[in-house]
């Protein structure tokens, strides 16, 4: 990739407005930082948690259990996940809406990469919204019922369209983070000079491959595992076991006498 072209494309596309650049400087910087932390950190943690699916159903569910038992988990989610992701996504859409698409006029590699960064951001936003709603809020609640976590994902991706959307969303999220990390380093001066930026670009490309591979392996482990009962069935089975346990051996003996 020609780094001078990438820098020119990045500089031209990041010039969101010439009317009031000073007033938007803080929000642009905040948007840049939030893409690395906490949004990027959340992606890494999420991929790490999902990797436990490779070790089986119980390993995955136990890992989810550890997360659900964190103190003040809802406050942590709102402060470090929902608000930062919402800001990063909405401000990113605003930047994308105000930006000029000049790929066809200036088909530089950097322009194509930055346009791909924009589109993968939109796909990632839709993917996260769907995933969070379906896995966190819809159906059986995993905060109170961690043991349904594997089943919820497995039955969700059992639908071919959803599975394909997961693959596209996963690849988009990994690319958006990896290339965004390179843009962040260039913007903040952590990679001064062509040589440093070229090395970092290759490192970010390798990071994309590693993260994508890990995510796809986890997804494959969930989809190819023995089919689990549906979350509602697991909840019912769990409830029945709890009732039988509370009744004790005397109740069991009475039932066996008939």
Protein backbone atom coordinates (compact mmCIF):
# COMPACT_ATOMS: atom_id res chain seq x y z
CA UNK A 1 0.00 0.00 0.00
CA UNK A 2 1.27 3.48 -0.79
CA UNK A 3 1.38 5.17 2.57
CA UNK A 4 1.46 8.70 1.18
CA UNK A 5 -1.79 7.97 -0.66
CA UNK A 6 -3.29 6.50 2.50
CA UNK A 7 -2.32 9.57 4.49
CA UNK A 8 -3.78 11.90 1.87
CA UNK A 9 -7.01 9.93 1.79
CA UNK A 10 -7.19 9.87 5.57
CA UNK A 11 -6.55 13.61 5.84
CA UNK A 12 -9.09 14.49 3.17
CA UNK A 13 -11.80 12.23 4.53
CA UNK A 14 -11.26 13.26 8.15
CA UNK A 15 -11.81 16.92 7.29
CA UNK A 16 -15.45 16.75 8.27
CA UNK A 17 -16.26 20.40 8.21
CA UNK A 18 -14.41 23.61 7.44
CA UNK A 19 -16.96 25.81 9.12
CA UNK A 20 -16.14 25.07 12.76
CA UNK A 21 -13.15 22.70 13.01
CA UNK A 22 -12.20 23.79 16.53
CA UNK A 23 -15.58 22.91 18.04
CA UNK A 24 -15.50 19.40 16.60
CA UNK A 25 -11.88 18.68 17.51
CA UNK A 26 -12.72 17.27 20.94
CA UNK A 27 -15.52 15.04 19.62
CA UNK A 28 -13.33 13.70 16.81
CA UNK A 29 -10.60 12.84 19.29
CA UNK A 30 -13.08 11.25 21.66
CA UNK A 31 -14.46 9.22 18.78
CA UNK A 32 -10.94 8.06 17.90
CA UNK A 33 -10.10 7.06 21.47
CA UNK A 34 -13.44 5.34 22.11
CA UNK A 35 -12.80 3.07 19.13
CA UNK A 36 -9.78 1.65 20.96
CA UNK A 37 -11.06 1.84 24.52
CA UNK A 38 -13.56 0.78 25.61
CA UNK A 39 -15.15 -0.34 22.31
CA UNK A 40 -12.06 -2.11 20.98
CA UNK A 41 -11.33 -3.62 24.38
CA UNK A 42 -14.89 -4.95 24.49
CA UNK A 43 -14.38 -6.64 21.12
CA UNK A 44 -11.21 -8.34 22.33
CA UNK A 45 -12.88 -9.48 25.55
CA UNK A 46 -15.90 -10.74 23.62
CA UNK A 47 -13.76 -12.77 21.24
CA UNK A 48 -11.80 -14.17 24.19
CA UNK A 49 -15.00 -15.22 25.97
CA UNK A 50 -16.40 -16.80 22.81
CA UNK A 51 -13.20 -18.81 22.36
CA UNK A 52 -14.26 -20.91 25.35
CA UNK A 53 -16.85 -22.47 23.04
CA UNK A 54 -13.98 -24.45 21.55
CA UNK A 55 -13.73 -26.30 24.90
CA UNK A 56 -17.41 -27.22 24.91
CA UNK A 57 -20.80 -26.17 26.24
CA UNK A 58 -19.96 -26.20 29.95
CA UNK A 59 -16.74 -24.23 29.52
CA UNK A 60 -18.57 -21.55 27.55
CA UNK A 61 -21.47 -21.30 29.98
CA UNK A 62 -19.15 -21.12 32.98
CA UNK A 63 -17.22 -18.28 31.36
CA UNK A 64 -20.48 -16.42 30.77
CA UNK A 65 -21.43 -17.12 34.38
CA UNK A 66 -18.29 -15.36 35.58
CA UNK A 67 -19.23 -12.27 33.59
CA UNK A 68 -22.84 -12.25 34.78
CA UNK A 69 -21.71 -12.44 38.41
CA UNK A 70 -19.60 -9.28 38.21
CA UNK A 71 -20.72 -6.68 40.77
CA UNK A 72 -22.93 -3.93 39.34
CA UNK A 73 -22.91 -5.69 35.96
CA UNK A 74 -25.70 -3.52 34.53
CA UNK A 75 -23.90 -0.29 35.48
CA UNK A 76 -20.68 -1.63 33.97
CA UNK A 77 -22.50 -2.51 30.76
CA UNK A 78 -24.11 0.91 30.48
CA UNK A 79 -20.97 2.88 31.32
CA UNK A 80 -18.36 0.88 29.40
CA UNK A 81 -20.33 -0.82 26.61
CA UNK A 82 -23.67 0.72 25.65
CA UNK A 83 -22.85 4.43 25.95
CA UNK A 84 -19.38 4.24 24.31
CA UNK A 85 -20.64 2.02 21.48
CA UNK A 86 -23.66 4.25 20.91
CA UNK A 87 -21.49 7.37 20.79
CA UNK A 88 -18.85 5.80 18.54
CA UNK A 89 -21.50 4.46 16.18
CA UNK A 90 -23.70 7.56 15.97
CA UNK A 91 -20.81 9.99 15.62
CA UNK A 92 -19.26 7.68 13.05
CA UNK A 93 -22.49 7.73 11.04
CA UNK A 94 -22.51 11.53 11.27
CA UNK A 95 -18.92 11.67 9.96
CA UNK A 96 -19.80 9.21 7.21
CA UNK A 97 -22.88 11.23 6.22
CA UNK A 98 -20.93 14.48 5.98
CA UNK A 99 -17.93 12.93 4.22
CA UNK A 100 -17.39 12.98 0.50
CA UNK A 101 -17.06 9.67 -1.29
CA UNK A 102 -14.31 10.27 -3.83
CA UNK A 103 -13.26 6.67 -4.49
CA UNK A 104 -14.32 6.73 -8.13
CA UNK A 105 -12.58 10.05 -8.75
CA UNK A 106 -9.41 9.24 -6.78
CA UNK A 107 -9.12 5.44 -6.72
CA UNK A 108 -6.15 5.37 -4.36
CA UNK A 109 -5.64 2.43 -2.06
CA UNK A 110 -6.08 4.68 0.95
CA UNK A 111 -9.43 5.94 -0.31
CA UNK A 112 -10.68 2.41 -0.83
CA UNK A 113 -9.49 1.39 2.61
CA UNK A 114 -11.13 4.35 4.30
CA UNK A 115 -14.38 3.73 2.42
CA UNK A 116 -14.23 0.11 3.51
CA UNK A 117 -13.69 1.35 7.05
CA UNK A 118 -16.90 3.36 6.82
CA UNK A 119 -19.01 0.55 5.40
CA UNK A 120 -17.69 -2.06 7.82
CA UNK A 121 -18.56 0.39 10.60
CA UNK A 122 -22.19 0.44 9.45
CA UNK A 123 -22.31 -3.35 9.18
CA UNK A 124 -20.68 -3.69 12.60
CA UNK A 125 -23.22 -1.31 14.13
CA UNK A 126 -26.12 -3.39 12.77
CA UNK A 127 -24.41 -6.62 13.84
CA UNK A 128 -23.81 -5.44 17.41
CA UNK A 129 -27.35 -4.10 17.76
CA UNK A 130 -28.84 -7.39 16.58
CA UNK A 131 -26.48 -9.54 18.64
CA UNK A 132 -26.93 -7.57 21.87
CA UNK A 133 -30.70 -7.44 21.53
CA UNK A 134 -31.10 -11.12 20.72
CA UNK A 135 -28.56 -12.53 23.18
CA UNK A 136 -28.84 -10.05 26.04
CA UNK A 137 -32.48 -8.96 26.14
CA UNK A 138 -34.71 -11.18 23.98
CA UNK A 139 -35.97 -14.52 25.19
CA UNK A 140 -34.56 -16.17 28.32
CA UNK A 141 -32.39 -13.70 30.23
CA UNK A 142 -28.79 -14.88 30.52
CA UNK A 143 -27.99 -12.73 33.56
CA UNK A 144 -30.28 -14.85 35.72
CA UNK A 145 -29.88 -17.97 33.57
CA UNK A 146 -26.26 -18.20 32.43
CA UNK A 147 -26.68 -21.89 31.52
CA UNK A 148 -28.68 -20.99 28.38
CA UNK A 149 -25.91 -18.85 26.86
CA UNK A 150 -24.50 -21.53 24.54
CA UNK A 151 -27.97 -22.66 23.54
CA UNK A 152 -29.11 -19.13 22.66
CA UNK A 153 -26.22 -18.60 20.28
CA UNK A 154 -26.44 -22.08 18.80
CA UNK A 155 -30.14 -21.88 18.00
CA UNK A 156 -29.71 -18.36 16.65
CA UNK A 157 -27.00 -19.27 14.14
CA UNK A 158 -28.85 -22.47 13.21
CA UNK A 159 -30.76 -20.21 10.81
CA UNK A 160 -28.63 -19.92 7.64
CA UNK A 161 -29.34 -16.22 7.12
CA UNK A 162 -28.38 -15.38 10.71
CA UNK A 163 -25.25 -17.52 10.46
CA UNK A 164 -24.17 -15.69 7.31
CA UNK A 165 -24.90 -12.35 8.98
CA UNK A 166 -22.75 -13.39 11.96
CA UNK A 167 -19.83 -14.22 9.67
CA UNK A 168 -20.10 -10.92 7.79
CA UNK A 169 -20.57 -8.97 11.02
CA UNK A 170 -17.62 -10.68 12.69
CA UNK A 171 -15.28 -9.99 9.78
CA UNK A 172 -16.51 -6.39 9.57
CA UNK A 173 -15.94 -5.80 13.29
CA UNK A 174 -12.42 -7.27 13.17
CA UNK A 175 -11.45 -5.23 10.11
CA UNK A 176 -12.98 -2.05 11.49
CA UNK A 177 -11.02 -2.42 14.72
CA UNK A 178 -7.71 -3.45 13.14
CA UNK A 179 -7.64 -0.70 10.50
CA UNK A 180 -9.09 1.78 12.98
CA UNK A 181 -6.18 0.99 15.28
CA UNK A 182 -3.79 1.97 12.48
CA UNK A 183 -5.70 5.21 11.86
CA UNK A 184 -5.66 5.91 15.59
CA UNK A 185 -1.89 5.45 15.81
CA UNK A 186 -1.31 7.70 12.80
CA UNK A 187 -3.68 10.39 14.06
CA UNK A 188 -2.18 10.48 17.56
CA UNK A 189 1.44 10.37 16.39
CA UNK A 190 2.31 6.91 17.71
CA UNK A 191 3.67 5.86 14.32
CA UNK A 192 5.70 8.77 12.93
CA UNK A 193 7.24 8.33 9.53
CA UNK A 194 6.60 6.03 6.58
CA UNK A 195 8.63 3.13 7.90
CA UNK A 196 6.82 3.01 11.23
CA UNK A 197 3.41 3.34 9.58
CA UNK A 198 4.18 0.60 7.08
CA UNK A 199 5.28 -1.81 9.82
CA UNK A 200 2.23 -0.97 11.90
CA UNK A 201 -0.04 -1.49 8.90
CA UNK A 202 1.29 -5.01 8.44
CA UNK A 203 0.92 -5.64 12.16
CA UNK A 204 -2.71 -4.50 12.04
CA UNK A 205 -3.32 -6.73 9.02
CA UNK A 206 -1.95 -9.67 11.02
CA UNK A 207 -4.16 -8.66 13.95
CA UNK A 208 -7.19 -8.75 11.67
CA UNK A 209 -6.33 -12.28 10.56
CA UNK A 210 -5.78 -13.48 14.13
CA UNK A 211 -9.01 -11.97 15.47
CA UNK A 212 -11.06 -13.15 12.50
CA UNK A 213 -9.67 -16.67 12.76
CA UNK A 214 -10.41 -16.84 16.48
CA UNK A 215 -13.95 -15.59 15.98
CA UNK A 216 -14.68 -17.96 13.10
CA UNK A 217 -13.29 -20.92 15.06
CA UNK A 218 -15.58 -20.08 17.97
CA UNK A 219 -18.54 -19.72 15.65
CA UNK A 220 -17.77 -23.06 14.04
CA UNK A 221 -17.43 -24.75 17.44
CA UNK A 222 -20.88 -23.54 18.45
CA UNK A 223 -22.57 -24.48 15.18
CA UNK A 224 -21.02 -27.97 14.97
CA UNK A 225 -21.53 -28.93 18.63
CA UNK A 226 -24.33 -31.38 19.50
CA UNK A 227 -27.60 -29.50 19.35
CA UNK A 228 -28.62 -28.27 22.77
CA UNK A 229 -32.23 -27.99 24.03
CA UNK A 230 -33.75 -24.61 23.41
CA UNK A 231 -33.27 -22.00 26.14
CA UNK A 232 -36.90 -22.28 27.21
CA UNK A 233 -36.54 -26.04 27.54
CA UNK A 234 -33.33 -25.70 29.54
CA UNK A 235 -35.06 -23.25 31.88
CA UNK A 236 -37.96 -25.64 32.36
CA UNK A 237 -35.63 -28.57 33.03
CA UNK A 238 -33.69 -26.49 35.53
CA UNK A 239 -36.91 -25.48 37.29
CA UNK A 240 -38.07 -29.08 37.52
CA UNK A 241 -34.76 -30.14 39.03
CA UNK A 242 -34.98 -27.35 41.59
CA UNK A 243 -38.49 -28.42 42.59
CA UNK A 244 -37.46 -32.06 42.91
CA UNK A 245 -34.43 -31.08 44.98
CA UNK A 246 -36.52 -28.92 47.31
CA UNK A 247 -39.04 -31.68 47.91
CA UNK A 248 -36.27 -34.02 49.07
CA UNK A 249 -36.10 -37.82 49.25
CA UNK A 250 -39.39 -38.13 51.17
CA UNK A 251 -41.38 -36.73 48.26
CA UNK A 252 -39.45 -38.94 45.88
CA UNK A 253 -40.29 -41.95 48.04
CA UNK A 254 -43.99 -41.11 48.05
CA UNK A 255 -44.02 -40.85 44.26
CA UNK A 256 -42.26 -44.18 43.88
CA UNK A 257 -44.79 -45.90 46.18
CA UNK A 258 -47.61 -45.38 43.70
